[in-house]
Amino acid sequence: MKKFALIGVAGFIAPRHMKAIKDTGNTLVASMDKFDSVGVLDQYFPKAEFFTEFERFERHLEKLKREKQAIDFLSVCTPNYLHDAHIRLGLRSNATVICEKPLVLNPWNLDALIEVEKETGKRVYTVLQLRQHPSILSLKQAIETGPLDKVYEVDLHYITSRGNWYQRSWKGDINKSGGVATNIGIHFFDMLTWVFGAVIENNVIFHSDTKASGYLVLKKAKINWLLSIDEQDLPISVREHNKSTYRSIVIDGQTLDFSEGFTDLHTVAYQSILKGEGFGIEDVRTSIQIVHEIRNK
């Protein structure tokens, strides 16, 4: 049984990580968040230590290490701009790190983390759940076995409406979240380049606090994309059913259905990581570069 610590336990995505830790037969021994609304711990690991101050959490990890009870893994679920520092904490604690997307905000941060990996001998992994979604795996296989010189026409729409709170939180601050293309889009950019190949052109058509659109040319695809947190961008049929999220990928006129199948993907990711087969720093380089260019063009 591996010992985990988790930082950012009050966050939206943290329960998926706790579920994955439990599903894989491991335990959470320590957790931290500056917010104390963490009753969710009772559903998974009620005996886990909890801290609201980073310094005390850090000292606790040092104490565990000193007493030969060091954690094996640190899961990072904190705001995007803190990922780099918290990854370093995990590596310096002699732990393997599992970090939510985006791994970092800037491409050059990846090179620095690679150096820390070399110094500590520990690895950094991230959760790229779309690469493990059954529909996306089937798509990748179809593209790889299809005509070698074919270039596909792709339309991507991802709209997930958010309330007024969004712009007042760290997510609404482009310096902290990386903007809407980074915060809600990076998984899609990773998936598209994983399936359709290297970037040839990255054109931004529109960019604001609530939405972004562009035209991405890859080795095997020309992609029109729209990402939005504005409810008004939802199709009328979606709004009429009181749904807040719309995902659509159309490839050469054919709709790819991937509306289901997300429930256990974090557990699948953890299973791979625990076997040493997860996605690491170099796997995210292309998507980090894409979103960095989008917000700086």
Protein backbone atom coordinates (compact mmCIF):
# COMPACT_ATOMS: atom_id res chain seq x y z
CA MET A 1 0.00 0.00 0.00
CA LYS A 2 1.43 3.36 -1.08
CA LYS A 3 1.17 6.46 1.11
CA PHE A 4 -0.20 9.62 -0.54
CA ALA A 5 -0.42 13.26 0.44
CA LEU A 6 -2.73 15.66 -1.41
CA ILE A 7 -2.47 19.43 -1.67
CA GLY A 8 -5.56 21.33 -2.77
CA VAL A 9 -8.01 18.96 -1.12
CA ALA A 10 -10.88 21.50 -1.06
CA GLY A 11 -10.74 21.93 -4.84
CA PHE A 12 -13.27 20.72 -7.41
CA ILE A 13 -11.03 17.99 -8.85
CA ALA A 14 -9.65 16.62 -5.56
CA PRO A 15 -12.44 14.03 -4.98
CA ARG A 16 -11.53 12.31 -8.25
CA HIS A 17 -7.96 11.95 -7.00
CA MET A 18 -9.09 10.66 -3.61
CA LYS A 19 -11.35 8.16 -5.32
CA ALA A 20 -8.45 7.04 -7.51
CA ILE A 21 -6.18 6.63 -4.47
CA LYS A 22 -8.83 4.52 -2.75
CA ASP A 23 -9.76 2.53 -5.87
CA THR A 24 -6.13 1.54 -6.38
CA GLY A 25 -5.86 0.21 -2.83
CA ASN A 26 -3.71 2.98 -1.40
CA THR A 27 -4.10 5.47 1.45
CA LEU A 28 -4.07 9.22 2.00
CA VAL A 29 -2.07 10.13 5.10
CA ALA A 30 -1.93 13.94 4.83
CA SER A 31 -3.76 16.73 3.03
CA MET A 32 -3.65 20.50 2.83
CA ASP A 33 -5.80 23.41 1.67
CA LYS A 34 -6.07 26.98 2.89
CA PHE A 35 -9.85 26.49 2.87
CA ASP A 36 -11.27 24.21 5.56
CA SER A 37 -14.45 23.08 3.79
CA VAL A 38 -13.10 19.56 3.35
CA GLY A 39 -15.82 17.30 4.73
CA VAL A 40 -15.37 15.27 1.55
CA LEU A 41 -12.40 13.64 3.32
CA ASP A 42 -14.88 11.70 5.43
CA GLN A 43 -16.06 9.84 2.34
CA TYR A 44 -12.59 8.60 1.52
CA PHE A 45 -9.90 9.06 4.19
CA PRO A 46 -11.32 10.43 7.47
CA LYS A 47 -8.08 9.61 9.33
CA ALA A 48 -5.87 11.65 7.00
CA GLU A 49 -4.09 14.57 8.66
CA PHE A 50 -5.32 17.97 7.45
CA PHE A 51 -3.56 21.33 7.40
CA THR A 52 -4.64 24.82 6.39
CA GLU A 53 -1.13 26.30 6.53
CA PHE A 54 1.39 25.33 3.88
CA GLU A 55 4.35 25.63 6.27
CA ARG A 56 2.84 23.15 8.74
CA PHE A 57 1.99 20.75 5.92
CA GLU A 58 5.58 20.98 4.66
CA ARG A 59 6.96 20.36 8.15
CA HIS A 60 4.66 17.35 8.55
CA LEU A 61 6.03 15.82 5.34
CA GLU A 62 9.56 16.43 6.64
CA LYS A 63 8.63 14.76 9.93
CA LEU A 64 7.24 11.70 8.12
CA LYS A 65 10.45 11.49 6.10
CA ARG A 66 12.59 11.82 9.23
CA GLU A 67 10.62 9.06 10.96
CA LYS A 68 11.00 6.71 7.97
CA GLN A 69 7.30 7.10 7.16
CA ALA A 70 7.77 9.29 4.09
CA ILE A 71 4.99 9.62 1.56
CA ASP A 72 5.40 7.79 -1.73
CA PHE A 73 3.26 10.17 -3.80
CA LEU A 74 2.09 13.77 -3.66
CA SER A 75 -1.07 14.62 -5.62
CA VAL A 76 -1.30 18.28 -6.66
CA CYS A 77 -4.81 19.74 -7.14
CA THR A 78 -4.06 23.40 -6.45
CA PRO A 79 -4.64 26.46 -8.70
CA ASN A 80 -2.64 26.37 -11.93
CA TYR A 81 -0.07 29.02 -11.00
CA LEU A 82 0.95 27.07 -7.88
CA HIS A 83 1.61 23.76 -9.63
CA ASP A 84 5.29 24.42 -10.29
CA ALA A 85 6.09 25.17 -6.63
CA HIS A 86 4.01 22.29 -5.31
CA ILE A 87 5.54 19.81 -7.75
CA ARG A 88 8.94 20.87 -6.46
CA LEU A 89 7.76 20.31 -2.88
CA GLY A 90 6.81 16.74 -3.78
CA LEU A 91 10.07 15.98 -5.52
CA ARG A 92 12.11 17.49 -2.65
CA SER A 93 10.07 15.31 -0.28
CA ASN A 94 11.38 12.27 -2.16
CA ALA A 95 7.93 11.58 -3.58
CA THR A 96 6.60 10.86 -7.04
CA VAL A 97 4.24 13.68 -8.06
CA ILE A 98 0.84 13.40 -9.77
CA CYS A 99 -0.29 16.84 -10.90
CA GLU A 100 -3.54 18.03 -12.42
CA LYS A 101 -3.60 19.94 -15.70
CA PRO A 102 -1.93 22.14 -16.74
CA LEU A 103 1.35 20.86 -15.38
CA VAL A 104 2.79 24.41 -15.58
CA LEU A 105 1.82 27.65 -17.31
CA ASN A 106 5.00 28.32 -19.29
CA PRO A 107 7.08 26.02 -21.51
CA TRP A 108 10.37 26.98 -19.84
CA ASN A 109 9.08 25.74 -16.47
CA LEU A 110 9.11 22.22 -17.92
CA ASP A 111 12.87 22.31 -18.47
CA ALA A 112 13.44 23.44 -14.89
CA LEU A 113 11.29 20.61 -13.55
CA ILE A 114 13.23 18.07 -15.62
CA GLU A 115 16.37 19.25 -13.82
CA VAL A 116 14.72 18.74 -10.43
CA GLU A 117 13.62 15.26 -11.53
CA LYS A 118 17.27 14.48 -12.32
CA GLU A 119 18.46 15.87 -8.98
CA THR A 120 15.93 13.93 -6.89
CA GLY A 121 15.55 10.77 -8.97
CA LYS A 122 11.76 11.11 -8.73
CA ARG A 123 9.19 11.49 -11.52
CA VAL A 124 6.42 13.95 -12.32
CA TYR A 125 3.23 12.60 -13.88
CA THR A 126 0.08 14.35 -15.01
CA VAL A 127 -3.51 13.33 -15.72
CA LEU A 128 -4.29 13.36 -19.44
CA GLN A 129 -7.60 11.58 -19.20
CA LEU A 130 -8.71 12.14 -22.80
CA ARG A 131 -5.80 9.98 -23.95
CA GLN A 132 -7.38 7.15 -21.98
CA HIS A 133 -10.99 7.72 -23.04
CA PRO A 134 -12.27 4.72 -25.07
CA SER A 135 -13.67 6.91 -27.89
CA ILE A 136 -10.40 8.83 -28.24
CA LEU A 137 -8.36 5.61 -28.23
CA SER A 138 -10.55 4.29 -31.05
CA LEU A 139 -10.13 7.56 -32.95
CA LYS A 140 -6.35 7.44 -32.65
CA GLN A 141 -6.28 3.88 -33.94
CA ALA A 142 -8.51 4.84 -36.89
CA ILE A 143 -6.26 7.77 -37.82
CA GLU A 144 -3.09 5.67 -37.53
CA THR A 145 -4.51 2.93 -39.77
CA GLY A 146 -6.10 5.36 -42.23
CA PRO A 147 -4.55 6.95 -45.35
CA LEU A 148 -1.06 8.24 -44.59
CA ASP A 149 -1.45 11.48 -46.55
CA LYS A 150 -5.00 12.35 -45.48
CA VAL A 151 -5.62 15.70 -43.74
CA TYR A 152 -8.86 15.76 -41.74
CA GLU A 153 -11.25 18.67 -41.25
CA VAL A 154 -12.08 19.02 -37.55
CA ASP A 155 -14.44 21.28 -35.59
CA LEU A 156 -14.10 21.38 -31.79
CA HIS A 157 -16.62 23.13 -29.55
CA TYR A 158 -16.34 22.94 -25.78
CA ILE A 159 -18.70 25.17 -23.83
CA THR A 160 -19.04 24.81 -20.09
CA SER A 161 -20.94 27.69 -18.53
CA ARG A 162 -19.71 29.28 -15.32
CA GLY A 163 -21.36 31.77 -12.97
CA ASN A 164 -20.22 35.18 -11.78
CA TRP A 165 -17.92 33.60 -9.21
CA TYR A 166 -15.55 32.43 -11.97
CA GLN A 167 -14.14 35.85 -12.83
CA ARG A 168 -13.70 36.70 -9.14
CA SER A 169 -11.73 33.55 -8.45
CA TRP A 170 -8.17 32.68 -9.46
CA LYS A 171 -9.62 31.11 -12.60
CA GLY A 172 -10.62 34.53 -13.89
CA ASP A 173 -7.07 35.88 -13.50
CA ILE A 174 -5.07 35.04 -16.64
CA ASN A 175 -1.81 35.27 -14.67
CA LYS A 176 -3.02 32.55 -12.32
CA SER A 177 -5.09 30.29 -14.58
CA GLY A 178 -3.52 30.97 -17.98
CA GLY A 179 -6.90 32.08 -19.33
CA VAL A 180 -9.86 30.13 -20.66
CA ALA A 181 -7.86 28.27 -23.34
CA THR A 182 -5.49 26.93 -20.69
CA ASN A 183 -7.99 26.33 -17.93
CA ILE A 184 -10.65 24.43 -19.88
CA GLY A 185 -8.93 23.71 -23.19
CA ILE A 186 -5.54 22.19 -22.53
CA HIS A 187 -6.81 18.59 -22.44
CA PHE A 188 -8.34 19.05 -25.87
CA PHE A 189 -5.19 20.53 -27.37
CA ASP A 190 -3.18 17.67 -25.89
CA MET A 191 -5.61 15.10 -27.28
CA LEU A 192 -5.75 16.67 -30.75
CA THR A 193 -1.97 16.78 -31.16
CA TRP A 194 -1.66 13.26 -29.75
CA VAL A 195 -4.10 12.00 -32.38
CA PHE A 196 -3.34 14.23 -35.39
CA GLY A 197 0.35 15.05 -34.97
CA ALA A 198 2.68 18.02 -34.77
CA VAL A 199 1.68 21.68 -34.91
CA ILE A 200 2.21 23.51 -38.21
CA GLU A 201 0.18 26.69 -37.53
CA ASN A 202 -1.46 28.08 -34.41
CA ASN A 203 -3.78 30.98 -35.27
CA VAL A 204 -5.89 32.84 -32.71
CA ILE A 205 -9.11 34.41 -34.03
CA PHE A 206 -10.64 35.69 -30.79
CA HIS A 207 -9.58 35.79 -27.14
CA SER A 208 -11.37 37.24 -24.11
CA ASP A 209 -11.93 36.50 -20.43
CA THR A 210 -14.82 34.16 -21.25
CA LYS A 211 -14.06 32.60 -24.62
CA ALA A 212 -11.41 31.92 -27.23
CA SER A 213 -11.41 30.59 -30.77
CA GLY A 214 -8.81 29.78 -33.36
CA TYR A 215 -7.57 27.75 -36.28
CA LEU A 216 -5.00 25.06 -35.59
CA VAL A 217 -3.16 23.26 -38.38
CA LEU A 218 -1.62 19.93 -37.44
CA LYS A 219 0.22 17.35 -39.51
CA LYS A 220 -3.00 15.44 -40.21
CA ALA A 221 -5.79 17.90 -39.39
CA LYS A 222 -7.10 21.42 -39.88
CA ILE A 223 -9.01 22.37 -36.75
CA ASN A 224 -11.49 25.15 -36.05
CA TRP A 225 -11.95 25.42 -32.30
CA LEU A 226 -14.11 27.34 -29.83
CA LEU A 227 -13.80 27.26 -26.05
CA SER A 228 -16.23 29.18 -23.85
CA ILE A 229 -17.58 29.57 -20.33
CA ASP A 230 -20.42 31.83 -21.57
CA GLU A 231 -23.86 30.27 -21.19
CA GLN A 232 -25.05 32.15 -24.29
CA ASP A 233 -22.73 30.03 -26.44
CA LEU A 234 -24.56 26.83 -25.49
CA PRO A 235 -26.80 25.46 -28.26
CA ILE A 236 -30.49 26.19 -27.63
CA SER A 237 -31.24 22.47 -27.40
CA VAL A 238 -28.72 22.13 -24.57
CA ARG A 239 -30.08 25.13 -22.66
CA GLU A 240 -33.65 23.86 -23.03
CA HIS A 241 -32.63 20.71 -21.15
CA ASN A 242 -31.00 22.79 -18.39
CA LYS A 243 -27.56 21.40 -19.17
CA SER A 244 -24.47 23.54 -18.64
CA THR A 245 -21.89 21.70 -20.74
CA TYR A 246 -21.61 20.96 -24.45
CA ARG A 247 -18.78 18.98 -26.04
CA SER A 248 -18.61 18.43 -29.78
CA ILE A 249 -15.90 17.13 -32.07
CA VAL A 250 -16.85 16.75 -35.74
CA ILE A 251 -14.32 15.04 -38.03
CA ASP A 252 -14.98 15.22 -41.76
CA GLY A 253 -18.66 15.77 -41.03
CA GLN A 254 -18.94 12.85 -38.59
CA THR A 255 -19.61 13.57 -34.91
CA LEU A 256 -17.35 11.83 -32.41
CA ASP A 257 -19.39 10.74 -29.40
CA PHE A 258 -17.45 11.11 -26.18
CA SER A 259 -20.15 12.50 -23.90
CA GLU A 260 -19.86 9.54 -21.52
CA GLY A 261 -17.02 7.50 -20.10
CA PHE A 262 -15.31 10.13 -17.92
CA THR A 263 -16.28 8.79 -14.50
CA ASP A 264 -13.31 6.53 -13.76
CA LEU A 265 -10.58 8.01 -15.95
CA HIS A 266 -8.62 9.37 -12.99
CA THR A 267 -8.52 5.86 -11.56
CA VAL A 268 -7.27 4.57 -14.93
CA ALA A 269 -4.59 7.28 -14.89
CA TYR A 270 -3.49 6.32 -11.37
CA GLN A 271 -3.32 2.64 -12.31
CA SER A 272 -0.96 3.50 -15.16
CA ILE A 273 1.18 5.78 -13.01
CA LEU A 274 1.49 3.19 -10.25
CA LYS A 275 2.88 0.80 -12.89
CA GLY A 276 5.35 3.47 -14.04
CA GLU A 277 3.50 3.92 -17.34
CA GLY A 278 1.91 7.35 -16.84
CA PHE A 279 2.33 10.54 -18.85
CA GLY A 280 5.26 12.70 -17.86
CA ILE A 281 6.75 16.12 -18.49
CA GLU A 282 7.64 15.69 -22.16
CA ASP A 283 4.14 14.42 -22.92
CA VAL A 284 2.63 17.82 -22.09
CA ARG A 285 5.19 20.06 -23.83
CA THR A 286 3.23 20.53 -27.05
CA SER A 287 -0.05 21.47 -25.35
CA ILE A 288 1.70 23.85 -22.93
CA GLN A 289 3.36 25.56 -25.90
CA ILE A 290 0.01 25.87 -27.74
CA VAL A 291 -1.86 27.55 -24.89
CA HIS A 292 1.11 29.78 -24.06
CA GLU A 293 1.06 31.05 -27.65
CA ILE A 294 -2.73 31.50 -27.59
CA ARG A 295 -2.70 33.85 -24.61
CA ASN A 296 0.34 35.78 -25.86
CA LYS A 297 -0.65 36.30 -29.50
